[in-house]
N, C-alpha and C. Protein backbone atom coordinates (compact mmCIF):
# COMPACT_ATOMS: atom_id res chain seq x y z
N MET A 1 31.58 46.37 6.12
CA MET A 1 30.26 46.30 5.59
C MET A 1 29.77 47.72 5.37
N LYS A 2 29.15 48.08 4.27
CA LYS A 2 28.71 49.41 3.91
C LYS A 2 27.33 49.56 4.37
N LEU A 3 27.05 50.60 5.19
CA LEU A 3 25.67 50.79 5.64
C LEU A 3 24.89 51.49 4.65
N HIS A 4 23.60 51.14 4.62
CA HIS A 4 22.69 51.86 3.55
C HIS A 4 22.28 53.25 4.12
N GLN A 5 22.19 54.16 3.24
CA GLN A 5 21.81 55.57 3.54
C GLN A 5 20.42 55.55 3.83
N GLN A 6 19.87 56.38 4.75
CA GLN A 6 18.56 56.31 5.17
C GLN A 6 17.95 57.59 4.44
N ARG A 7 16.80 57.51 3.99
CA ARG A 7 15.85 58.51 3.52
C ARG A 7 14.45 58.52 4.10
N THR A 8 13.84 59.63 4.23
CA THR A 8 12.39 59.78 4.62
C THR A 8 11.44 59.85 3.40
N CYS A 9 10.54 59.00 3.52
CA CYS A 9 9.43 58.97 2.57
C CYS A 9 8.64 60.25 2.80
N ILE A 10 8.33 61.20 1.71
CA ILE A 10 7.69 62.43 1.93
C ILE A 10 6.16 62.09 2.04
N GLY A 11 5.71 60.91 1.76
CA GLY A 11 4.30 60.48 1.87
C GLY A 11 3.91 60.21 3.21
N CYS A 12 4.51 59.10 3.73
CA CYS A 12 4.07 58.57 4.88
C CYS A 12 5.07 59.04 6.17
N ARG A 13 6.14 59.63 5.73
CA ARG A 13 7.16 60.29 6.67
C ARG A 13 7.93 59.22 7.45
N THR A 14 8.08 57.99 6.97
CA THR A 14 8.89 57.03 7.62
C THR A 14 10.18 56.94 7.02
N SER A 15 11.24 56.68 7.85
CA SER A 15 12.60 56.65 7.48
C SER A 15 12.95 55.29 7.13
N THR A 16 13.65 55.08 6.04
CA THR A 16 14.07 53.65 5.58
C THR A 16 15.40 53.78 4.71
N SER A 17 15.73 52.72 4.24
CA SER A 17 16.96 52.56 3.38
C SER A 17 16.52 53.20 2.04
N ARG A 18 17.45 53.85 1.34
CA ARG A 18 17.07 54.36 0.17
C ARG A 18 16.91 53.36 -1.00
N ASN A 19 17.30 52.15 -0.68
CA ASN A 19 16.98 51.09 -1.69
C ASN A 19 15.59 50.62 -1.75
N ASP A 20 14.87 51.07 -0.62
CA ASP A 20 13.43 50.64 -0.58
C ASP A 20 12.44 51.92 -1.06
N LEU A 21 13.11 52.79 -1.59
CA LEU A 21 12.23 54.17 -1.96
C LEU A 21 12.63 54.43 -3.42
N ILE A 22 11.73 55.35 -4.08
CA ILE A 22 12.06 55.68 -5.33
C ILE A 22 12.26 57.35 -5.28
N ARG A 23 13.01 57.86 -6.30
CA ARG A 23 13.47 59.23 -6.10
C ARG A 23 12.69 60.04 -7.24
N TRP A 24 12.29 61.32 -6.78
CA TRP A 24 11.84 62.23 -7.78
C TRP A 24 12.56 63.34 -7.79
N VAL A 25 12.71 64.13 -8.94
CA VAL A 25 13.56 65.29 -9.02
C VAL A 25 12.65 66.30 -9.70
N LEU A 26 13.24 67.53 -9.74
CA LEU A 26 12.57 68.71 -10.20
C LEU A 26 13.10 69.09 -11.57
N THR A 27 12.28 69.48 -12.54
CA THR A 27 12.78 69.90 -13.86
C THR A 27 12.32 71.28 -14.08
N GLU A 28 13.10 72.06 -14.79
CA GLU A 28 12.87 73.48 -15.06
C GLU A 28 11.89 73.52 -16.32
N GLN A 29 10.55 73.89 -16.13
CA GLN A 29 9.63 73.97 -17.15
C GLN A 29 8.79 75.24 -16.75
N ALA A 30 8.31 76.09 -17.82
CA ALA A 30 7.43 77.10 -17.49
C ALA A 30 6.05 76.75 -17.59
N PRO A 31 5.15 77.34 -16.90
CA PRO A 31 5.39 78.52 -15.78
C PRO A 31 5.94 77.78 -14.50
N LEU A 32 5.60 76.67 -14.27
CA LEU A 32 6.02 76.01 -12.96
C LEU A 32 6.92 74.71 -13.16
N PRO A 33 7.99 74.62 -12.43
CA PRO A 33 8.80 73.44 -12.50
C PRO A 33 7.93 72.14 -12.27
N ALA A 34 8.41 71.11 -12.97
CA ALA A 34 7.55 69.90 -12.99
C ALA A 34 8.35 68.85 -12.18
N VAL A 35 7.56 67.82 -11.62
CA VAL A 35 8.31 66.73 -10.77
C VAL A 35 8.30 65.56 -11.69
N LEU A 36 9.44 64.83 -11.77
CA LEU A 36 9.74 63.74 -12.68
C LEU A 36 10.28 62.60 -11.77
N LEU A 37 9.91 61.36 -12.12
CA LEU A 37 10.45 60.17 -11.58
C LEU A 37 11.78 60.01 -11.99
N ASP A 38 12.85 59.80 -11.06
CA ASP A 38 14.26 59.45 -11.39
C ASP A 38 14.44 58.04 -11.09
N VAL A 39 14.26 57.15 -12.11
CA VAL A 39 14.26 55.66 -11.88
C VAL A 39 15.66 55.19 -11.44
N GLY A 40 16.69 55.76 -12.06
CA GLY A 40 17.94 55.31 -11.65
C GLY A 40 18.57 56.05 -10.50
N ALA A 41 17.85 56.99 -9.96
CA ALA A 41 18.19 57.70 -8.70
C ALA A 41 19.77 58.39 -8.89
N SER A 42 19.95 58.79 -10.18
CA SER A 42 21.23 59.38 -10.49
C SER A 42 21.22 60.77 -10.97
N ALA A 43 20.03 61.32 -11.17
CA ALA A 43 20.00 62.71 -11.68
C ALA A 43 20.51 63.75 -10.73
N SER A 44 21.04 64.81 -11.29
CA SER A 44 21.67 65.75 -10.42
C SER A 44 20.61 66.61 -9.76
N GLY A 45 21.02 67.21 -8.70
CA GLY A 45 20.01 68.17 -8.06
C GLY A 45 19.34 67.53 -6.80
N ARG A 46 18.48 68.42 -6.24
CA ARG A 46 17.62 68.02 -5.12
C ARG A 46 16.71 66.84 -5.47
N GLY A 47 16.44 65.88 -4.61
CA GLY A 47 15.55 64.83 -4.79
C GLY A 47 14.61 64.83 -3.60
N ALA A 48 13.47 64.12 -3.95
CA ALA A 48 12.62 63.80 -2.87
C ALA A 48 12.25 62.28 -3.13
N TRP A 49 12.06 61.61 -1.98
CA TRP A 49 11.90 60.29 -1.99
C TRP A 49 10.54 59.80 -1.55
N THR A 50 9.89 58.73 -2.11
CA THR A 50 8.69 58.06 -1.67
C THR A 50 8.83 56.54 -1.78
N HIS A 51 7.95 55.79 -1.07
CA HIS A 51 7.94 54.45 -1.21
C HIS A 51 7.32 54.14 -2.60
N GLY A 52 7.55 52.91 -3.18
CA GLY A 52 7.14 52.62 -4.42
C GLY A 52 5.70 52.17 -4.38
N ILE A 53 4.79 52.64 -3.51
CA ILE A 53 3.41 52.25 -3.54
C ILE A 53 2.54 53.54 -3.71
N GLU A 54 1.43 53.29 -4.23
CA GLU A 54 0.53 54.31 -4.74
C GLU A 54 -0.02 55.15 -3.49
N LYS A 55 -0.12 54.56 -2.37
CA LYS A 55 -0.56 55.25 -1.23
C LYS A 55 0.25 56.31 -0.73
N CYS A 56 1.60 56.04 -0.65
CA CYS A 56 2.61 57.07 -0.26
C CYS A 56 2.63 58.24 -1.26
N VAL A 57 2.73 57.84 -2.68
CA VAL A 57 2.67 58.89 -3.74
C VAL A 57 1.57 59.75 -3.66
N ARG A 58 0.26 59.29 -3.43
CA ARG A 58 -0.85 60.05 -3.24
C ARG A 58 -0.91 60.94 -2.05
N GLN A 59 -0.33 60.38 -0.93
CA GLN A 59 -0.32 61.21 0.31
C GLN A 59 0.61 62.45 0.03
N ALA A 60 1.81 62.16 -0.68
CA ALA A 60 2.66 63.26 -0.82
C ALA A 60 2.14 64.32 -1.71
N VAL A 61 1.22 63.88 -2.77
CA VAL A 61 0.60 64.87 -3.60
C VAL A 61 -0.32 65.73 -2.76
N GLN A 62 -1.22 64.96 -2.07
CA GLN A 62 -2.28 65.68 -1.31
C GLN A 62 -1.77 66.52 -0.19
N ARG A 63 -0.56 66.22 0.33
CA ARG A 63 -0.12 66.94 1.37
C ARG A 63 0.75 68.08 0.82
N ARG A 64 0.90 68.20 -0.53
CA ARG A 64 1.70 69.17 -1.13
C ARG A 64 3.31 68.98 -0.62
N ALA A 65 3.63 67.77 -0.37
CA ALA A 65 5.01 67.50 0.11
C ALA A 65 6.08 67.74 -0.91
N PHE A 66 5.69 67.64 -2.16
CA PHE A 66 6.82 67.91 -3.21
C PHE A 66 7.13 69.46 -3.19
N SER A 67 6.32 70.21 -3.06
CA SER A 67 6.58 71.70 -2.90
C SER A 67 7.49 71.98 -1.75
N ARG A 68 7.15 71.47 -0.71
CA ARG A 68 8.01 71.55 0.49
C ARG A 68 9.46 70.98 0.32
N ALA A 69 9.48 69.73 -0.22
CA ALA A 69 10.70 68.99 -0.44
C ALA A 69 11.55 69.78 -1.39
N PHE A 70 11.12 70.40 -2.39
CA PHE A 70 11.97 71.12 -3.34
C PHE A 70 11.97 72.59 -3.11
N LYS A 71 11.31 73.00 -2.05
CA LYS A 71 11.43 74.49 -1.59
C LYS A 71 11.01 75.52 -2.68
N SER A 72 10.10 74.90 -3.47
CA SER A 72 9.42 75.87 -4.43
C SER A 72 8.13 75.34 -4.91
N ALA A 73 7.35 76.23 -5.58
CA ALA A 73 6.07 75.85 -6.11
C ALA A 73 6.39 74.90 -7.36
N VAL A 74 5.65 73.83 -7.24
CA VAL A 74 5.73 72.83 -8.40
C VAL A 74 4.66 72.38 -8.93
N ASN A 75 4.60 71.92 -10.25
CA ASN A 75 3.51 71.21 -10.89
C ASN A 75 3.45 69.75 -10.62
N ALA A 76 2.79 69.35 -9.69
CA ALA A 76 2.65 67.97 -9.30
C ALA A 76 1.50 67.14 -9.96
N ASP A 77 0.95 67.79 -11.00
CA ASP A 77 -0.26 67.19 -11.65
C ASP A 77 0.17 65.67 -12.39
N THR A 78 1.21 65.68 -12.79
CA THR A 78 1.65 64.53 -13.64
C THR A 78 2.28 63.38 -12.76
N VAL A 79 2.36 63.68 -11.48
CA VAL A 79 3.21 62.61 -10.69
C VAL A 79 2.34 61.30 -10.41
N LEU A 80 1.15 61.30 -10.37
CA LEU A 80 0.32 60.11 -10.41
C LEU A 80 0.48 59.31 -11.75
N GLU A 81 0.40 60.13 -12.78
CA GLU A 81 0.60 59.44 -14.12
C GLU A 81 1.84 58.68 -14.23
N GLN A 82 3.09 59.54 -13.94
CA GLN A 82 4.34 58.78 -13.91
C GLN A 82 4.31 57.65 -13.16
N PHE A 83 3.89 57.77 -11.90
CA PHE A 83 3.92 56.53 -11.06
C PHE A 83 3.18 55.25 -11.66
N THR A 84 1.97 55.56 -12.22
CA THR A 84 1.28 54.48 -12.90
C THR A 84 2.11 53.79 -13.94
N ALA A 85 2.82 54.67 -14.75
CA ALA A 85 3.59 54.13 -15.83
C ALA A 85 4.74 53.29 -15.22
N TYR A 86 5.28 53.87 -14.19
CA TYR A 86 6.37 53.11 -13.37
C TYR A 86 5.89 51.84 -12.95
N GLU A 87 4.62 51.72 -12.37
CA GLU A 87 4.07 50.41 -11.83
C GLU A 87 3.88 49.43 -13.03
N ASP A 88 3.55 49.91 -14.10
CA ASP A 88 3.17 49.17 -15.19
C ASP A 88 4.36 48.35 -15.95
N ARG A 89 5.69 48.95 -15.52
CA ARG A 89 6.86 48.38 -16.07
C ARG A 89 7.01 46.93 -15.49
N PRO A 90 7.63 46.10 -16.23
CA PRO A 90 8.13 44.76 -15.77
C PRO A 90 8.81 44.83 -14.33
N VAL A 91 8.66 43.98 -13.50
CA VAL A 91 9.43 43.93 -12.26
C VAL A 91 10.86 43.98 -12.57
N SER A 92 11.26 43.24 -13.50
CA SER A 92 12.69 43.20 -13.68
C SER A 92 13.47 44.63 -14.19
N GLY A 93 12.52 45.53 -14.61
CA GLY A 93 12.94 46.87 -14.93
C GLY A 93 12.94 47.77 -13.74
N ARG A 94 12.51 47.50 -12.63
CA ARG A 94 12.35 48.29 -11.57
C ARG A 94 13.48 47.90 -10.37
N PRO A 95 13.96 48.82 -9.72
CA PRO A 95 14.98 48.60 -8.64
C PRO A 95 14.42 47.79 -7.57
N SER A 96 14.89 46.72 -7.17
CA SER A 96 14.23 45.78 -6.26
C SER A 96 14.60 46.07 -4.81
N GLY A 97 15.68 46.70 -4.56
CA GLY A 97 16.20 47.10 -3.17
C GLY A 97 16.83 45.78 -2.66
N LYS A 98 17.01 44.68 -3.28
CA LYS A 98 17.77 43.56 -2.87
C LYS A 98 19.02 43.40 -3.71
N HIS A 99 19.90 42.92 -2.94
CA HIS A 99 21.26 42.79 -3.51
C HIS A 99 21.64 41.31 -3.79
N ASP A 100 22.42 40.90 -4.68
CA ASP A 100 22.86 39.56 -4.93
C ASP A 100 23.91 39.31 -3.93
N GLU A 101 23.94 38.05 -3.47
CA GLU A 101 25.02 37.68 -2.44
C GLU A 101 26.30 37.60 -3.32
N SER A 102 27.48 38.01 -2.73
CA SER A 102 28.68 37.84 -3.28
C SER A 102 29.39 36.62 -2.80
N GLY A 103 30.36 36.09 -3.50
CA GLY A 103 31.04 35.01 -3.07
C GLY A 103 30.71 33.82 -3.94
N SER A 104 31.46 32.74 -3.74
CA SER A 104 31.14 31.59 -4.62
C SER A 104 30.52 30.52 -3.78
N GLU A 105 29.68 29.64 -4.55
CA GLU A 105 29.12 28.46 -3.84
C GLU A 105 29.71 27.16 -4.34
N ILE A 106 29.95 26.33 -3.29
CA ILE A 106 30.71 25.05 -3.66
C ILE A 106 29.78 23.97 -3.80
């Protein structure tokens, strides 16, 4: 059995499986790099993780946790807008964190 990797939410600072979190990445934009949502959790580079709830994302923005996680000054102004767009997507388009059972049923 493969163990799930643990990550810490930068908003509420609790550690949980990465399947229960969403990933944020840093893009190079002038004058400050911007934070973008990495829906597939597959973009290269350093990532920061939050729970998929507004409370944790807001806490991360208010605490300036994105700047600390990426170890540089960042433009986090669009984080809440991106999260709202992510929430508005159909549930089938979002990672659920649940896996289908394998095997056959008789």
